[in-house]
């Protein structure tokens, strides 16, 4: 079975995303939550997901939205887990176990529907079997937006550690770089592009590489050494 790309509008571009759009979505969710279900204040919103292969199995890092900062609420309100540090690292033998560890250790339901960027580690890309497991895991999550940007990093955790210097989520920062580029010819690689190449040809498209710098991170087209 061939994977078909999501239809794009003629001349369309990557959907823009920023704090205002995210907060607008939250406002709508607050209204809908009055009808029952899990409210937005009971959810955790990863804006970037980092995935790599490690000797123990897999490592997944969730770069969470800092709702206290985005809504202007005090970080001293004492709500705990969703404030302060926004990076959550999980390492386990299987991806299913990572999901179980998140559920066991968090009071917030994971809402994957706002992910703006996915960062794959070179360790994962070099291990075909683990990469296939990750591709199936991502494709099986219908809430994960196919317009999320995809990048490659030699050390995903090092990229995540630069978050504090960026002043925003890694995913939002990376989307902003492409939106502000004068050279629009350099089109970003989306998760939809990755699925198309992987499930049809069992290979990844050429991914832009993230490198850490003294001031934060940069996007490079040079291959990882």
Protein backbone atom coordinates (compact mmCIF):
# COMPACT_ATOMS: atom_id res chain seq x y z
CA UNK A 1 0.00 0.00 0.00
CA UNK A 2 1.40 3.38 -1.00
CA UNK A 3 1.34 6.33 1.36
CA UNK A 4 -0.45 9.31 -0.16
CA UNK A 5 0.58 12.82 0.82
CA UNK A 6 -1.90 15.22 2.37
CA UNK A 7 -3.35 17.41 -0.37
CA UNK A 8 -1.90 20.91 -0.36
CA UNK A 9 -3.69 24.00 -1.56
CA UNK A 10 -2.17 25.50 -4.72
CA UNK A 11 0.45 28.00 -3.67
CA UNK A 12 -0.15 27.10 -0.06
CA UNK A 13 2.52 27.36 2.59
CA UNK A 14 3.20 25.80 5.94
CA UNK A 15 0.55 26.88 8.42
CA UNK A 16 1.90 29.62 10.63
CA UNK A 17 1.98 29.01 14.34
CA UNK A 18 2.77 31.14 17.31
CA UNK A 19 1.70 31.88 20.83
CA UNK A 20 -1.47 33.69 19.76
CA UNK A 21 -2.63 30.73 17.66
CA UNK A 22 -1.89 28.29 20.46
CA UNK A 23 -3.69 30.39 23.04
CA UNK A 24 -6.64 30.78 20.68
CA UNK A 25 -6.88 27.01 20.43
CA UNK A 26 -6.73 26.71 24.20
CA UNK A 27 -9.52 29.25 24.57
CA UNK A 28 -11.74 27.17 22.29
CA UNK A 29 -10.84 24.06 24.28
CA UNK A 30 -11.81 25.76 27.53
CA UNK A 31 -15.24 26.46 26.10
CA UNK A 32 -15.65 22.90 24.85
CA UNK A 33 -14.41 21.38 28.11
CA UNK A 34 -17.53 22.69 29.80
CA UNK A 35 -19.38 19.89 27.98
CA UNK A 36 -17.28 17.23 29.74
CA UNK A 37 -13.99 15.45 29.09
CA UNK A 38 -10.44 16.48 29.98
CA UNK A 39 -10.01 20.25 30.20
CA UNK A 40 -6.99 22.05 28.73
CA UNK A 41 -5.63 22.78 32.20
CA UNK A 42 -5.41 19.01 32.72
CA UNK A 43 -3.30 18.42 29.62
CA UNK A 44 0.39 18.70 28.76
CA UNK A 45 1.21 20.10 25.32
CA UNK A 46 4.49 19.01 23.69
CA UNK A 47 5.52 21.50 21.01
CA UNK A 48 8.66 19.56 20.07
CA UNK A 49 9.32 15.83 20.30
CA UNK A 50 12.89 14.47 20.21
CA UNK A 51 13.39 10.76 19.49
CA UNK A 52 16.67 8.86 19.51
CA UNK A 53 18.03 5.33 19.88
CA UNK A 54 20.14 4.66 22.96
CA UNK A 55 21.77 1.50 24.36
CA UNK A 56 18.80 1.05 26.72
CA UNK A 57 16.35 1.19 23.80
CA UNK A 58 14.73 4.53 22.99
CA UNK A 59 14.87 8.05 24.34
CA UNK A 60 11.95 10.45 23.92
CA UNK A 61 12.08 14.08 25.04
CA UNK A 62 8.94 16.20 25.24
CA UNK A 63 9.49 19.95 24.92
CA UNK A 64 6.35 21.11 26.71
CA UNK A 65 4.50 24.38 26.27
CA UNK A 66 4.97 26.55 29.35
CA UNK A 67 1.34 27.53 29.88
CA UNK A 68 2.12 29.68 32.92
CA UNK A 69 4.54 31.77 30.88
CA UNK A 70 2.32 31.95 27.80
CA UNK A 71 -0.78 32.99 29.70
CA UNK A 72 1.05 35.41 32.00
CA UNK A 73 0.25 33.41 35.14
CA UNK A 74 2.69 33.41 38.01
CA UNK A 75 5.12 30.52 38.17
CA UNK A 76 4.75 30.63 41.94
CA UNK A 77 1.12 29.49 41.82
CA UNK A 78 2.19 26.03 42.99
CA UNK A 79 0.53 23.94 40.30
CA UNK A 80 3.83 22.05 40.00
CA UNK A 81 4.57 19.78 37.10
CA UNK A 82 3.58 21.96 34.19
CA UNK A 83 5.62 24.94 35.39
CA UNK A 84 9.32 25.72 35.46
CA UNK A 85 11.29 23.13 33.51
CA UNK A 86 9.51 22.28 30.28
CA UNK A 87 11.72 19.40 29.14
CA UNK A 88 10.71 15.87 30.06
CA UNK A 89 13.09 13.00 29.19
CA UNK A 90 12.07 9.34 29.07
CA UNK A 91 14.36 6.37 28.35
CA UNK A 92 13.07 2.81 28.09
CA UNK A 93 13.46 -0.44 26.20
CA UNK A 94 10.27 0.13 24.19
CA UNK A 95 8.15 3.10 23.13
CA UNK A 96 5.16 1.50 24.82
CA UNK A 97 7.06 1.52 28.11
CA UNK A 98 7.84 5.21 27.63
CA UNK A 99 4.12 5.88 27.28
CA UNK A 100 3.42 3.88 30.42
CA UNK A 101 6.08 5.78 32.37
CA UNK A 102 4.60 9.09 31.29
CA UNK A 103 1.11 8.04 32.36
CA UNK A 104 2.39 6.73 35.69
CA UNK A 105 4.45 9.82 36.50
CA UNK A 106 2.31 12.68 35.23
CA UNK A 107 -0.99 14.12 36.38
CA UNK A 108 -1.50 15.66 32.93
CA UNK A 109 -2.90 13.91 29.88
CA UNK A 110 -0.45 14.09 26.97
CA UNK A 111 -1.95 16.10 24.09
CA UNK A 112 0.23 15.48 21.03
CA UNK A 113 -1.93 17.53 18.68
CA UNK A 114 0.12 20.74 18.93
CA UNK A 115 3.57 19.37 18.05
CA UNK A 116 5.37 21.78 15.71
CA UNK A 117 8.67 19.98 15.22
CA UNK A 118 10.06 16.47 15.44
CA UNK A 119 13.81 15.95 15.92
CA UNK A 120 15.32 12.56 15.08
CA UNK A 121 18.69 11.55 16.44
CA UNK A 122 21.43 10.22 14.17
CA UNK A 123 21.64 7.18 16.42
CA UNK A 124 18.05 6.34 15.56
CA UNK A 125 18.44 6.98 11.83
CA UNK A 126 21.45 4.61 11.73
CA UNK A 127 19.45 1.73 13.25
CA UNK A 128 16.96 0.62 10.61
CA UNK A 129 14.89 -1.63 12.84
CA UNK A 130 14.43 0.97 15.55
CA UNK A 131 13.74 3.63 12.95
CA UNK A 132 10.99 1.47 11.46
CA UNK A 133 9.48 1.02 14.92
CA UNK A 134 9.49 4.78 15.46
CA UNK A 135 7.98 5.48 12.03
CA UNK A 136 5.13 3.06 12.73
CA UNK A 137 4.66 4.59 16.19
CA UNK A 138 4.42 8.11 14.78
CA UNK A 139 2.19 7.15 11.85
CA UNK A 140 -0.16 5.33 14.19
CA UNK A 141 -0.84 8.49 16.21
CA UNK A 142 -3.67 10.21 14.35
CA UNK A 143 -3.43 13.27 16.63
CA UNK A 144 0.11 14.06 15.48
CA UNK A 145 -0.06 16.78 12.82
CA UNK A 146 1.48 15.85 9.48
CA UNK A 147 2.59 19.48 9.01
CA UNK A 148 5.09 19.22 11.88
CA UNK A 149 8.62 20.02 10.71
CA UNK A 150 11.24 17.25 10.90
CA UNK A 151 14.94 17.70 11.63
CA UNK A 152 18.04 15.61 12.29
CA UNK A 153 20.41 16.13 15.22
CA UNK A 154 23.50 14.31 16.35
CA UNK A 155 22.58 14.94 19.98
CA UNK A 156 18.87 15.77 20.38
CA UNK A 157 19.22 16.24 24.13
CA UNK A 158 21.88 18.94 23.56
CA UNK A 159 19.46 20.78 21.27
CA UNK A 160 16.75 20.62 23.91
CA UNK A 161 19.14 22.02 26.50
CA UNK A 162 19.37 25.21 24.40
CA UNK A 163 15.67 25.94 24.92
CA UNK A 164 16.29 28.47 27.65
CA UNK A 165 18.49 30.53 25.35
CA UNK A 166 15.87 30.54 22.58
CA UNK A 167 13.18 32.21 24.68
CA UNK A 168 10.57 29.83 23.29
CA UNK A 169 9.84 26.21 22.50
CA UNK A 170 12.32 24.67 20.07
CA UNK A 171 9.46 23.82 17.71
CA UNK A 172 8.02 27.33 17.69
CA UNK A 173 11.52 28.79 17.25
CA UNK A 174 12.24 26.55 14.24
CA UNK A 175 8.91 27.34 12.60
CA UNK A 176 9.69 31.03 13.04
CA UNK A 177 13.01 30.66 11.23
CA UNK A 178 11.30 29.31 8.13
CA UNK A 179 8.53 31.89 8.26
CA UNK A 180 11.07 34.71 8.41
CA UNK A 181 13.45 33.39 5.73
CA UNK A 182 13.85 35.71 2.77
CA UNK A 183 14.76 32.75 0.59
CA UNK A 184 11.46 30.91 0.38
CA UNK A 185 12.97 28.32 -1.97
CA UNK A 186 14.31 26.37 0.99
CA UNK A 187 11.15 24.50 1.82
CA UNK A 188 11.04 22.73 5.19
CA UNK A 189 10.62 18.96 5.46
CA UNK A 190 7.34 17.96 7.06
CA UNK A 191 6.27 14.76 8.75
CA UNK A 192 4.02 14.18 5.74
CA UNK A 193 7.12 14.26 3.51
CA UNK A 194 8.90 11.81 5.79
CA UNK A 195 5.97 9.37 5.81
CA UNK A 196 5.71 9.53 2.02
CA UNK A 197 9.37 8.62 1.54
CA UNK A 198 9.51 6.05 4.31
CA UNK A 199 6.36 4.07 3.64
CA UNK A 200 6.83 4.10 -0.13
CA UNK A 201 10.62 3.72 -0.44
CA UNK A 202 11.77 2.76 3.06
CA UNK A 203 14.14 5.72 3.22
CA UNK A 204 14.10 9.19 4.70
CA UNK A 205 14.24 12.40 2.69
CA UNK A 206 17.24 14.64 3.22
CA UNK A 207 16.58 16.30 6.58
CA UNK A 208 17.85 19.70 7.70
CA UNK A 209 20.39 19.32 10.48
CA UNK A 210 20.21 21.11 13.83
CA UNK A 211 23.48 22.21 15.39
CA UNK A 212 24.06 23.88 18.73
CA UNK A 213 25.86 27.23 18.94
CA UNK A 214 26.90 29.52 21.76
CA UNK A 215 23.70 31.52 21.29
CA UNK A 216 21.31 28.64 20.71
CA UNK A 217 20.73 26.46 17.64
CA UNK A 218 21.02 26.81 13.89
CA UNK A 219 19.70 24.95 10.86
CA UNK A 220 22.34 23.52 8.53
CA UNK A 221 22.15 21.68 5.22
CA UNK A 222 25.61 20.17 5.74
CA UNK A 223 25.48 16.44 6.47
CA UNK A 224 26.26 15.13 9.94
CA UNK A 225 29.86 13.97 10.15
